[in-house]
Amino acid sequence: MASLLAPAPLAGSDIYERILTAPGGLVALEHEDTASLIEQFRAIARNNGQSVYVWQNESGLANLREAHHARIPGSQRLGNALRYVQQSIHFGVYLFESLPLPMSAMDSTLLRQLARAPAGHVRRVVLLDVAPALMASLDDVAVRLSSGPQAAQRPRLR
């Protein structure tokens, strides 16, 4: 009976919209099933034609929109992938799964630079499965989101 009262987790499209409307460029997402979330984002990228990338330690950055999972050459190292994101002038959501720890000072600096609100185009770096130690070091610049339902907000009066 308690499970009937528990709020349902948000769908991938709802999470995607919350990421796009986040006030900063760096988002730490708490989600229980990362693999299914990535698959939901793959479907969103293919349906909308928008650029969504996923970074994994062993394979680097891959474009989820492409059927053959087009990889970005030389992006296996975290620093190279973050520099690629930083130099991009196009819209993009970049999912980073299981970042290696300890993180180098340069990688941490790049994440902090990417956290600044983008000027002109939307670029979001989304950290999945964030280790508590890493989250503590980025807590002042990262926007935390959860896949749980958004708290009810009071309407804003104009």
C-alpha atoms as a PDB file:
ATOM      1  CA  MET A   1       0.000   0.000   0.000  1.00  0.00           C
ATOM      2  CA  ALA A   2       2.874   2.380   0.739  1.00  0.00           C
ATOM      3  CA  SER A   3       4.194   1.906  -2.798  1.00  0.00           C
ATOM      4  CA  LEU A   4       0.925   3.285  -4.164  1.00  0.00           C
ATOM      5  CA  LEU A   5       1.479   6.479  -2.224  1.00  0.00           C
ATOM      6  CA  ALA A   6       5.107   6.909  -3.251  1.00  0.00           C
ATOM      7  CA  PRO A   7       5.545   9.451  -6.052  1.00  0.00           C
ATOM      8  CA  ALA A   8       6.546   7.992  -9.392  1.00  0.00           C
ATOM      9  CA  PRO A   9       9.973   8.899 -10.799  1.00  0.00           C
ATOM     10  CA  LEU A  10      10.022  11.427 -13.611  1.00  0.00           C
ATOM     11  CA  ALA A  11      10.149  10.303 -17.217  1.00  0.00           C
ATOM     12  CA  GLY A  12      13.296  10.926 -19.245  1.00  0.00           C
ATOM     13  CA  SER A  13      11.700  13.831 -21.134  1.00  0.00           C
ATOM     14  CA  ASP A  14      10.792  15.563 -17.857  1.00  0.00           C
ATOM     15  CA  ILE A  15      14.332  15.130 -16.546  1.00  0.00           C
ATOM     16  CA  TYR A  16      15.692  16.419 -19.866  1.00  0.00           C
ATOM     17  CA  GLU A  17      13.550  19.569 -19.624  1.00  0.00           C
ATOM     18  CA  ARG A  18      14.685  20.165 -16.041  1.00  0.00           C
ATOM     19  CA  ILE A  19      18.312  19.889 -17.177  1.00  0.00           C
ATOM     20  CA  LEU A  20      17.756  22.397 -19.989  1.00  0.00           C
ATOM     21  CA  THR A  21      16.122  24.906 -17.636  1.00  0.00           C
ATOM     22  CA  ALA A  22      18.732  24.534 -14.885  1.00  0.00           C
ATOM     23  CA  PRO A  23      20.281  27.892 -13.945  1.00  0.00           C
ATOM     24  CA  GLY A  24      23.879  26.736 -14.434  1.00  0.00           C
ATOM     25  CA  GLY A  25      25.962  24.795 -16.908  1.00  0.00           C
ATOM     26  CA  LEU A  26      26.893  21.969 -14.493  1.00  0.00           C
ATOM     27  CA  VAL A  27      24.190  19.613 -13.234  1.00  0.00           C
ATOM     28  CA  ALA A  28      24.608  16.739 -10.777  1.00  0.00           C
ATOM     29  CA  LEU A  29      21.761  14.301 -11.395  1.00  0.00           C
ATOM     30  CA  GLU A  30      20.692  11.742  -8.830  1.00  0.00           C
ATOM     31  CA  HIS A  31      19.100   8.812 -10.651  1.00  0.00           C
ATOM     32  CA  GLU A  32      18.690   5.178  -9.717  1.00  0.00           C
ATOM     33  CA  ASP A  33      19.020   3.557 -13.146  1.00  0.00           C
ATOM     34  CA  THR A  34      21.664   5.303 -15.231  1.00  0.00           C
ATOM     35  CA  ALA A  35      21.515   2.793 -18.107  1.00  0.00           C
ATOM     36  CA  SER A  36      17.790   3.302 -18.656  1.00  0.00           C
ATOM     37  CA  LEU A  37      18.181   7.083 -18.376  1.00  0.00           C
ATOM     38  CA  ILE A  38      20.838   7.051 -21.095  1.00  0.00           C
ATOM     39  CA  GLU A  39      18.515   4.988 -23.307  1.00  0.00           C
ATOM     40  CA  GLN A  40      15.684   7.471 -22.700  1.00  0.00           C
ATOM     41  CA  PHE A  41      18.015  10.334 -23.630  1.00  0.00           C
ATOM     42  CA  ARG A  42      19.071   8.406 -26.755  1.00  0.00           C
ATOM     43  CA  ALA A  43      15.409   8.273 -27.824  1.00  0.00           C
ATOM     44  CA  ILE A  44      14.984  11.986 -27.098  1.00  0.00           C
ATOM     45  CA  ALA A  45      18.082  12.845 -29.147  1.00  0.00           C
ATOM     46  CA  ARG A  46      16.900  10.767 -32.094  1.00  0.00           C
ATOM     47  CA  ASN A  47      13.354  12.156 -31.989  1.00  0.00           C
ATOM     48  CA  ASN A  48      14.334  15.809 -31.528  1.00  0.00           C
ATOM     49  CA  GLY A  49      17.549  15.750 -33.532  1.00  0.00           C
ATOM     50  CA  GLN A  50      19.328  17.475 -30.651  1.00  0.00           C
ATOM     51  CA  SER A  51      22.913  16.778 -29.661  1.00  0.00           C
ATOM     52  CA  VAL A  52      23.193  14.592 -26.582  1.00  0.00           C
ATOM     53  CA  TYR A  53      26.519  12.971 -25.778  1.00  0.00           C
ATOM     54  CA  VAL A  54      27.561  10.435 -23.178  1.00  0.00           C
ATOM     55  CA  TRP A  55      31.091  10.070 -21.793  1.00  0.00           C
ATOM     56  CA  GLN A  56      32.261   6.778 -20.393  1.00  0.00           C
ATOM     57  CA  ASN A  57      35.725   6.160 -19.032  1.00  0.00           C
ATOM     58  CA  GLU A  58      36.640   3.344 -21.422  1.00  0.00           C
ATOM     59  CA  SER A  59      35.174   4.738 -24.635  1.00  0.00           C
ATOM     60  CA  GLY A  60      35.105   8.541 -24.404  1.00  0.00           C
ATOM     61  CA  LEU A  61      32.373  10.817 -25.783  1.00  0.00           C
ATOM     62  CA  ALA A  62      29.707   9.326 -28.043  1.00  0.00           C
ATOM     63  CA  ASN A  63      26.831  11.079 -29.798  1.00  0.00           C
ATOM     64  CA  LEU A  64      23.560   9.421 -28.748  1.00  0.00           C
ATOM     65  CA  ARG A  65      21.719  10.795 -31.768  1.00  0.00           C
ATOM     66  CA  GLU A  66      23.719   8.688 -34.213  1.00  0.00           C
ATOM     67  CA  ALA A  67      22.593   5.103 -34.754  1.00  0.00           C
ATOM     68  CA  HIS A  68      26.170   3.825 -34.854  1.00  0.00           C
ATOM     69  CA  HIS A  69      27.183   5.728 -31.671  1.00  0.00           C
ATOM     70  CA  ALA A  70      29.637   8.099 -33.336  1.00  0.00           C
ATOM     71  CA  ARG A  71      32.610   8.563 -31.019  1.00  0.00           C
ATOM     72  CA  ILE A  72      34.615  11.757 -30.643  1.00  0.00           C
ATOM     73  CA  PRO A  73      38.263  10.851 -31.347  1.00  0.00           C
ATOM     74  CA  GLY A  74      40.691  11.425 -28.469  1.00  0.00           C
ATOM     75  CA  SER A  75      38.002  11.949 -25.831  1.00  0.00           C
ATOM     76  CA  GLN A  76      38.746   8.943 -23.620  1.00  0.00           C
ATOM     77  CA  ARG A  77      40.633  11.126 -21.147  1.00  0.00           C
ATOM     78  CA  LEU A  78      38.349  13.255 -19.020  1.00  0.00           C
ATOM     79  CA  GLY A  79      40.346  16.452 -19.574  1.00  0.00           C
ATOM     80  CA  ASN A  80      40.177  16.079 -23.365  1.00  0.00           C
ATOM     81  CA  ALA A  81      36.425  15.480 -23.241  1.00  0.00           C
ATOM     82  CA  LEU A  82      35.861  18.528 -21.008  1.00  0.00           C
ATOM     83  CA  ARG A  83      37.965  20.703 -23.333  1.00  0.00           C
ATOM     84  CA  TYR A  84      35.888  19.454 -26.291  1.00  0.00           C
ATOM     85  CA  VAL A  85      32.709  20.512 -24.462  1.00  0.00           C
ATOM     86  CA  GLN A  86      34.225  23.862 -23.525  1.00  0.00           C
ATOM     87  CA  GLN A  87      35.225  24.626 -27.118  1.00  0.00           C
ATOM     88  CA  SER A  88      31.878  23.615 -28.588  1.00  0.00           C
ATOM     89  CA  ILE A  89      29.828  26.537 -29.866  1.00  0.00           C
ATOM     90  CA  HIS A  90      26.670  24.498 -30.408  1.00  0.00           C
ATOM     91  CA  PHE A  91      23.774  23.303 -28.290  1.00  0.00           C
ATOM     92  CA  GLY A  92      24.576  20.144 -26.397  1.00  0.00           C
ATOM     93  CA  VAL A  93      23.818  18.054 -23.346  1.00  0.00           C
ATOM     94  CA  TYR A  94      26.843  16.083 -22.186  1.00  0.00           C
ATOM     95  CA  LEU A  95      26.289  13.183 -19.803  1.00  0.00           C
ATOM     96  CA  PHE A  96      29.365  12.142 -17.821  1.00  0.00           C
ATOM     97  CA  GLU A  97      29.016   8.746 -16.210  1.00  0.00           C
ATOM     98  CA  SER A  98      31.174   7.631 -13.258  1.00  0.00           C
ATOM     99  CA  LEU A  99      33.960  10.199 -13.243  1.00  0.00           C
ATOM    100  CA  PRO A 100      37.352   8.837 -12.183  1.00  0.00           C
ATOM    101  CA  LEU A 101      38.607   9.752  -8.734  1.00  0.00           C
ATOM    102  CA  PRO A 102      40.773  11.379  -7.645  1.00  0.00           C
ATOM    103  CA  MET A 103      40.186  14.100 -10.190  1.00  0.00           C
ATOM    104  CA  SER A 104      43.104  16.200 -11.382  1.00  0.00           C
ATOM    105  CA  ALA A 105      43.207  19.905 -10.532  1.00  0.00           C
ATOM    106  CA  MET A 106      42.916  20.737 -14.252  1.00  0.00           C
ATOM    107  CA  ASP A 107      39.794  18.593 -14.675  1.00  0.00           C
ATOM    108  CA  SER A 108      38.235  20.190 -11.612  1.00  0.00           C
ATOM    109  CA  THR A 109      39.027  23.656 -12.975  1.00  0.00           C
ATOM    110  CA  LEU A 110      37.458  22.762 -16.342  1.00  0.00           C
ATOM    111  CA  LEU A 111      34.276  21.552 -14.603  1.00  0.00           C
ATOM    112  CA  ARG A 112      34.093  24.797 -12.636  1.00  0.00           C
ATOM    113  CA  GLN A 113      34.488  26.829 -15.845  1.00  0.00           C
ATOM    114  CA  LEU A 114      31.732  24.814 -17.524  1.00  0.00           C
ATOM    115  CA  ALA A 115      29.465  25.460 -14.531  1.00  0.00           C
ATOM    116  CA  ARG A 116      29.159  29.134 -15.448  1.00  0.00           C
ATOM    117  CA  ALA A 117      25.904  29.902 -17.196  1.00  0.00           C
ATOM    118  CA  PRO A 118      26.507  29.717 -20.949  1.00  0.00           C
ATOM    119  CA  ALA A 119      26.256  32.889 -22.989  1.00  0.00           C
ATOM    120  CA  GLY A 120      24.260  32.540 -26.167  1.00  0.00           C
ATOM    121  CA  HIS A 121      23.703  28.801 -26.461  1.00  0.00           C
ATOM    122  CA  VAL A 122      22.620  26.028 -24.124  1.00  0.00           C
ATOM    123  CA  ARG A 123      25.383  23.687 -23.065  1.00  0.00           C
ATOM    124  CA  ARG A 124      24.822  21.448 -20.061  1.00  0.00           C
ATOM    125  CA  VAL A 125      27.307  19.090 -18.452  1.00  0.00           C
ATOM    126  CA  VAL A 126      25.419  16.456 -16.476  1.00  0.00           C
ATOM    127  CA  LEU A 127      27.269  14.350 -13.927  1.00  0.00           C
ATOM    128  CA  LEU A 128      25.729  10.920 -13.315  1.00  0.00           C
ATOM    129  CA  ASP A 129      26.635   8.681 -10.379  1.00  0.00           C
ATOM    130  CA  VAL A 130      28.555  11.465  -8.641  1.00  0.00           C
ATOM    131  CA  ALA A 131      30.783  10.286  -5.800  1.00  0.00           C
ATOM    132  CA  PRO A 132      30.053  12.134  -2.529  1.00  0.00           C
ATOM    133  CA  ALA A 133      33.652  13.418  -2.302  1.00  0.00           C
ATOM    134  CA  LEU A 134      33.418  14.940  -5.795  1.00  0.00           C
ATOM    135  CA  MET A 135      29.986  16.408  -5.103  1.00  0.00           C
ATOM    136  CA  ALA A 136      31.314  18.065  -1.952  1.00  0.00           C
ATOM    137  CA  SER A 137      34.056  19.773  -3.970  1.00  0.00           C
ATOM    138  CA  LEU A 138      31.594  21.033  -6.631  1.00  0.00           C
ATOM    139  CA  ASP A 139      28.643  21.783  -4.372  1.00  0.00           C
ATOM    140  CA  ASP A 140      29.110  25.538  -4.692  1.00  0.00           C
ATOM    141  CA  VAL A 141      28.879  25.543  -8.520  1.00  0.00           C
ATOM    142  CA  ALA A 142      26.774  22.507  -9.486  1.00  0.00           C
ATOM    143  CA  VAL A 143      22.995  22.443  -9.699  1.00  0.00           C
ATOM    144  CA  ARG A 144      21.617  19.338  -8.007  1.00  0.00           C
ATOM    145  CA  LEU A 145      18.675  17.577  -9.626  1.00  0.00           C
ATOM    146  CA  SER A 146      16.904  14.398  -8.690  1.00  0.00           C
ATOM    147  CA  SER A 147      14.867  12.129 -10.919  1.00  0.00           C
ATOM    148  CA  GLY A 148      12.192  12.208  -8.231  1.00  0.00           C
ATOM    149  CA  PRO A 149       9.167  14.432  -8.777  1.00  0.00           C
ATOM    150  CA  GLN A 150       9.730  18.151  -8.537  1.00  0.00           C
ATOM    151  CA  ALA A 151       8.404  19.750  -5.378  1.00  0.00           C
ATOM    152  CA  ALA A 152       5.214  21.709  -5.848  1.00  0.00           C
ATOM    153  CA  GLN A 153       6.084  25.346  -6.356  1.00  0.00           C
ATOM    154  CA  ARG A 154       3.949  28.325  -5.540  1.00  0.00           C
ATOM    155  CA  PRO A 155       2.906  30.323  -8.595  1.00  0.00           C
ATOM    156  CA  ARG A 156       4.946  33.449  -9.176  1.00  0.00           C
ATOM    157  CA  LEU A 157       3.009  36.672  -9.215  1.00  0.00           C
ATOM    158  CA  ARG A 158       3.971  39.302 -11.725  1.00  0.00           C
END
